[in-house]
Protein backbone atom coordinates (compact mmCIF):
# COMPACT_ATOMS: atom_id res chain seq x y z
CA MET A 1 -6.73 -56.93 14.21
CA GLU A 2 -5.71 -60.32 13.94
CA LYS A 3 -3.87 -60.79 10.61
CA GLN A 4 -5.39 -63.92 8.11
CA GLN A 5 -3.23 -66.29 7.53
CA ALA A 6 -3.58 -69.22 5.23
CA LEU A 7 -1.53 -72.49 4.88
CA VAL A 8 -1.72 -75.07 2.22
CA ILE A 9 -1.73 -78.49 2.15
CA PHE A 10 0.84 -79.04 -1.01
CA SER A 11 1.96 -81.86 -3.02
CA GLY A 12 3.79 -80.26 -5.74
CA GLY A 13 1.05 -81.35 -7.92
CA GLN A 14 -1.62 -79.34 -10.64
CA ASP A 15 -4.20 -78.68 -7.87
CA SER A 16 -2.16 -77.89 -4.96
CA THR A 17 -0.02 -75.74 -6.91
CA THR A 18 -3.24 -74.10 -8.29
CA CYS A 19 -4.19 -73.52 -4.33
CA LEU A 20 -0.96 -72.01 -3.14
CA ILE A 21 -0.39 -69.83 -6.01
CA GLN A 22 -4.11 -68.59 -5.22
CA ALA A 23 -3.47 -68.57 -1.56
CA ILE A 24 -0.20 -65.64 -2.28
CA GLN A 25 -2.32 -64.00 -4.37
CA THR A 26 -5.36 -63.64 -1.90
CA TYR A 27 -3.70 -63.72 1.55
CA GLY A 28 0.02 -62.26 0.59
CA ARG A 29 3.21 -64.03 0.33
CA GLU A 30 4.19 -63.74 3.79
CA ASN A 31 1.08 -64.93 5.25
CA VAL A 32 1.26 -68.16 3.44
CA GLN A 33 2.51 -71.21 4.48
CA ALA A 34 2.78 -75.10 3.10
CA ILE A 35 2.37 -78.07 4.31
CA THR A 36 3.56 -81.45 3.13
CA PHE A 37 3.60 -84.64 3.93
CA GLN A 38 5.91 -88.01 2.99
CA TYR A 39 3.54 -91.01 3.68
CA GLY A 40 5.14 -93.71 1.06
CA GLN A 41 4.14 -92.58 -2.13
CA ARG A 42 5.66 -94.43 -5.20
CA HIS A 43 5.41 -90.82 -6.96
CA ALA A 44 7.97 -89.25 -4.75
CA ILE A 45 9.02 -87.03 -7.25
CA GLU A 46 5.90 -84.73 -6.27
CA LEU A 47 7.99 -84.18 -3.38
CA GLU A 48 10.99 -82.71 -5.15
CA ARG A 49 8.56 -80.99 -7.29
CA ALA A 50 7.19 -79.08 -4.48
CA ARG A 51 10.41 -77.87 -2.64
CA TRP A 52 11.38 -76.77 -5.81
CA ILE A 53 8.09 -74.89 -6.46
CA ALA A 54 7.85 -73.70 -2.57
CA GLN A 55 11.16 -72.01 -2.92
CA ASP A 56 10.66 -70.31 -6.50
CA LEU A 57 7.51 -68.89 -4.74
CA GLY A 58 9.26 -68.02 -1.89
CA VAL A 59 6.60 -69.62 0.48
CA LYS A 60 7.94 -70.99 3.90
CA GLN A 61 7.40 -75.16 3.09
CA THR A 62 7.62 -77.69 6.18
CA VAL A 63 7.45 -81.36 5.08
CA LEU A 64 5.90 -84.10 7.67
CA ASP A 65 6.94 -87.74 7.51
CA LEU A 66 4.10 -89.79 7.94
CA SER A 67 5.59 -93.22 6.82
CA LEU A 68 4.54 -94.90 9.30
CA MET A 69 1.06 -95.48 7.39
CA GLN A 70 3.29 -97.91 5.66
CA GLN A 71 3.08 -100.03 8.75
CA ILE A 72 -0.98 -100.23 8.59
CA THR A 73 -2.20 -99.68 5.06
CA HIS A 74 -1.48 -100.88 2.03
CA ASN A 75 -2.21 -99.63 -1.54
CA ALA A 76 -0.70 -99.28 -5.50
CA LEU A 77 -0.05 -95.78 -4.71
CA MET A 78 2.36 -96.95 -2.17
CA ASP A 79 3.90 -99.99 -3.52
CA ASP A 80 5.40 -99.58 -6.95
CA THR A 81 5.26 -102.97 -7.90
CA ALA A 82 1.60 -103.08 -7.91
CA ALA A 83 -0.49 -102.60 -11.17
CA ILE A 84 -2.74 -99.66 -11.15
CA GLU A 85 -6.03 -100.71 -11.45
CA THR A 86 -9.50 -100.14 -10.21
CA ALA A 87 -11.47 -102.54 -8.48
CA SER A 88 -14.91 -104.21 -8.75
CA ASP A 89 -16.88 -101.74 -6.44
CA GLY A 90 -14.82 -99.13 -8.59
CA LEU A 91 -12.80 -97.79 -6.25
CA PRO A 92 -8.94 -97.36 -7.55
CA ASN A 93 -6.44 -99.44 -5.48
CA THR A 94 -4.64 -96.51 -5.39
CA PHE A 95 -6.84 -95.05 -2.68
CA VAL A 96 -4.68 -94.30 0.58
CA ASP A 97 -7.17 -95.50 3.79
CA GLY A 98 -7.56 -91.92 5.82
CA ARG A 99 -4.81 -90.13 3.88
CA ASN A 100 -6.79 -86.70 3.77
CA ALA A 101 -8.20 -87.11 7.37
CA LEU A 102 -4.82 -87.07 8.66
CA PHE A 103 -3.43 -84.50 6.13
CA LEU A 104 -6.14 -82.06 7.29
CA LEU A 105 -5.93 -83.11 11.33
CA TYR A 106 -1.74 -82.83 11.48
CA ALA A 107 -2.47 -79.61 8.97
CA ALA A 108 -4.96 -78.23 11.56
CA ILE A 109 -2.17 -79.53 14.71
CA TYR A 110 0.46 -77.19 13.07
CA ALA A 111 -2.08 -74.66 12.14
CA LYS A 112 -3.08 -73.66 15.31
CA GLY A 113 0.33 -74.03 16.64
CA GLN A 114 1.49 -71.15 13.75
CA GLY A 115 -1.83 -68.89 14.90
CA ILE A 116 -3.14 -69.61 11.36
CA ARG A 117 -7.02 -70.24 11.31
CA HIS A 118 -7.20 -70.79 6.87
CA ILE A 119 -6.74 -74.59 5.83
CA ILE A 120 -6.80 -75.32 2.28
CA ALA A 121 -7.03 -77.86 0.11
CA GLY A 122 -7.11 -78.99 -3.64
CA VAL A 123 -9.32 -81.67 -3.22
CA CYS A 124 -12.33 -82.04 -5.88
CA GLU A 125 -15.23 -84.11 -6.30
CA THR A 126 -16.42 -83.19 -9.66
CA ASP A 127 -13.15 -84.73 -11.41
CA PHE A 128 -11.54 -86.93 -9.44
CA SER A 129 -10.83 -90.43 -9.17
CA GLY A 130 -14.07 -91.89 -6.72
CA TYR A 131 -11.41 -91.47 -3.25
CA PRO A 132 -14.14 -90.83 -1.13
CA ASP A 133 -11.99 -88.54 1.26
CA CYS A 134 -12.15 -85.86 -1.57
CA ARG A 135 -15.82 -85.18 -1.74
CA ASP A 136 -17.50 -81.82 0.19
CA VAL A 137 -19.22 -83.75 2.92
CA PHE A 138 -16.47 -85.68 3.98
CA VAL A 139 -14.49 -81.91 4.34
CA LYS A 140 -17.00 -80.32 5.97
CA SER A 141 -17.31 -83.08 8.57
CA MET A 142 -13.85 -82.39 9.31
CA ASN A 143 -13.98 -78.89 9.76
CA VAL A 144 -16.52 -79.38 12.55
CA THR A 145 -14.47 -82.43 14.21
CA LEU A 146 -11.41 -80.17 14.43
CA ASN A 147 -13.59 -77.32 15.41
CA LEU A 148 -14.86 -79.15 18.16
CA ALA A 149 -11.08 -81.28 19.12
CA MET A 150 -9.14 -77.96 19.66
CA ASP A 151 -11.78 -75.77 20.55
CA TYR A 152 -10.49 -73.33 17.61
CA ALA A 153 -12.04 -71.79 14.78
CA PHE A 154 -10.36 -73.31 11.50
CA GLN A 155 -11.81 -72.90 8.31
CA ILE A 156 -10.71 -75.10 5.62
CA HIS A 157 -11.22 -73.95 2.11
CA THR A 158 -11.64 -76.33 -1.10
CA PRO A 159 -11.41 -74.00 -3.21
CA LEU A 160 -11.69 -76.86 -6.12
CA MET A 161 -14.42 -79.03 -5.15
CA TYR A 162 -16.47 -78.42 -7.57
CA LEU A 163 -14.80 -77.84 -10.89
CA THR A 164 -13.48 -79.96 -13.70
CA LYS A 165 -9.89 -79.89 -15.11
CA ALA A 166 -10.49 -78.24 -17.52
CA GLN A 167 -11.94 -75.21 -15.39
CA THR A 168 -8.91 -75.66 -13.15
CA TRP A 169 -6.52 -75.45 -16.19
CA ALA A 170 -8.98 -72.17 -16.76
CA LEU A 171 -8.15 -70.67 -13.37
CA ALA A 172 -4.61 -71.08 -13.35
CA ASP A 173 -4.76 -69.52 -16.74
CA GLU A 174 -6.88 -66.45 -15.15
CA MET A 175 -4.39 -66.49 -12.33
CA GLY A 176 -1.34 -66.09 -15.19
CA VAL A 177 0.54 -69.26 -14.25
CA LEU A 178 -1.06 -71.73 -16.91
CA ASP A 179 2.25 -72.33 -18.38
CA TYR A 180 3.90 -72.55 -14.68
CA ILE A 181 1.63 -74.85 -13.55
CA ARG A 182 2.07 -77.44 -16.79
CA GLU A 183 5.58 -77.06 -16.44
CA HIS A 184 6.70 -77.39 -13.18
CA THR A 185 3.99 -79.23 -11.49
CA HIS A 186 3.87 -83.55 -11.10
CA THR A 187 0.79 -85.46 -11.03
CA CYS A 188 2.32 -89.13 -12.60
CA TYR A 189 1.15 -91.92 -10.16
CA ASN A 190 3.93 -93.64 -11.68
CA GLY A 191 6.10 -91.10 -11.15
CA VAL A 192 7.68 -90.40 -14.59
CA VAL A 193 8.37 -86.90 -14.88
CA GLY A 194 6.67 -85.55 -18.13
CA GLY A 195 4.12 -87.65 -16.99
CA CYS A 196 3.47 -91.74 -18.39
CA HIS A 197 0.21 -90.53 -19.85
CA GLU A 198 -1.32 -93.94 -18.93
CA CYS A 199 -2.05 -93.42 -15.40
CA PRO A 200 -5.28 -92.17 -14.50
CA SER A 201 -3.87 -89.13 -12.91
CA CYS A 202 -2.22 -88.58 -16.12
CA ILE A 203 -5.40 -89.18 -18.20
CA LEU A 204 -7.17 -86.56 -16.10
CA ARG A 205 -4.73 -84.09 -16.54
CA GLU A 206 -3.93 -83.81 -19.81
CA ARG A 207 -8.05 -84.62 -20.88
CA GLY A 208 -8.81 -81.31 -18.59
CA LEU A 209 -5.79 -79.36 -20.43
CA SER A 210 -7.22 -80.62 -24.07
CA GLU A 211 -11.01 -79.51 -22.75
CA TYR A 212 -9.74 -75.94 -21.86
CA LEU A 213 -8.04 -75.37 -24.88
CA GLU A 214 -10.01 -76.50 -27.55
CA LYS A 215 -13.02 -73.73 -25.97
CA LYS A 216 -12.57 -69.90 -25.72
CA PRO A 217 -11.34 -69.47 -22.70
CA SER A 218 -14.34 -67.23 -21.83
CA GLU A 219 -16.82 -70.18 -21.49
CA LEU A 220 -14.99 -72.00 -18.74
CA ARG A 221 -13.79 -69.27 -17.32
CA GLY A 222 -17.24 -67.23 -15.76
CA ALA A 223 -17.57 -71.21 -14.53
CA SER A 224 -14.69 -71.52 -12.54
CA ILE A 225 -14.92 -67.88 -10.98
CA SER A 226 -18.34 -69.06 -9.58
CA ASN A 227 -17.26 -71.51 -7.37
CA ILE A 228 -14.36 -70.46 -6.02
CA GLN A 229 -14.58 -70.00 -2.08
């Protein structure tokens, strides 16, 4: 019987680290790999955190250089001189055109070469920044496209897709790693160690944690379990 293996798209942030730990608990440490993309992001400290966490958890990590994206698109997430703001159409200027499509494509190419069928991404459309490539409809369309493109039965899993940030913290707590996620992951768009407490990513993360800690764990725990794919 074919051994079930998983590849986690891993940034070193809260969501992808939660997914990585869940994958380890589901598939076994020896059957999980992480893939990280360096694309010129201003919060490059995530890359350092990703390397440290992958090593600490004993998971093989592959880092791919996609910095060529800087030649064809411009956004605040890849320009440390740009102010982070939301455009009149409601789309944050931190949105990177095509980023998740490329991530899933390169992850799939790598996964097929490794004999891996399960690809895990920490995208979410419940509490997110309005990015269109974090939506479930996009991920499902990419799953179909990749299967057709490579004639390979990929299964893209998005365990956080319908969880609020508070429920994502609840999931970490259920797995016994809430403090680990709090202390070792980095999500700040401005690259400030410990968070700037002002950028959209920090606000979302900290608000979710406060909401979780203010409520009884049991109230959120049931909601999170029911949505894990």
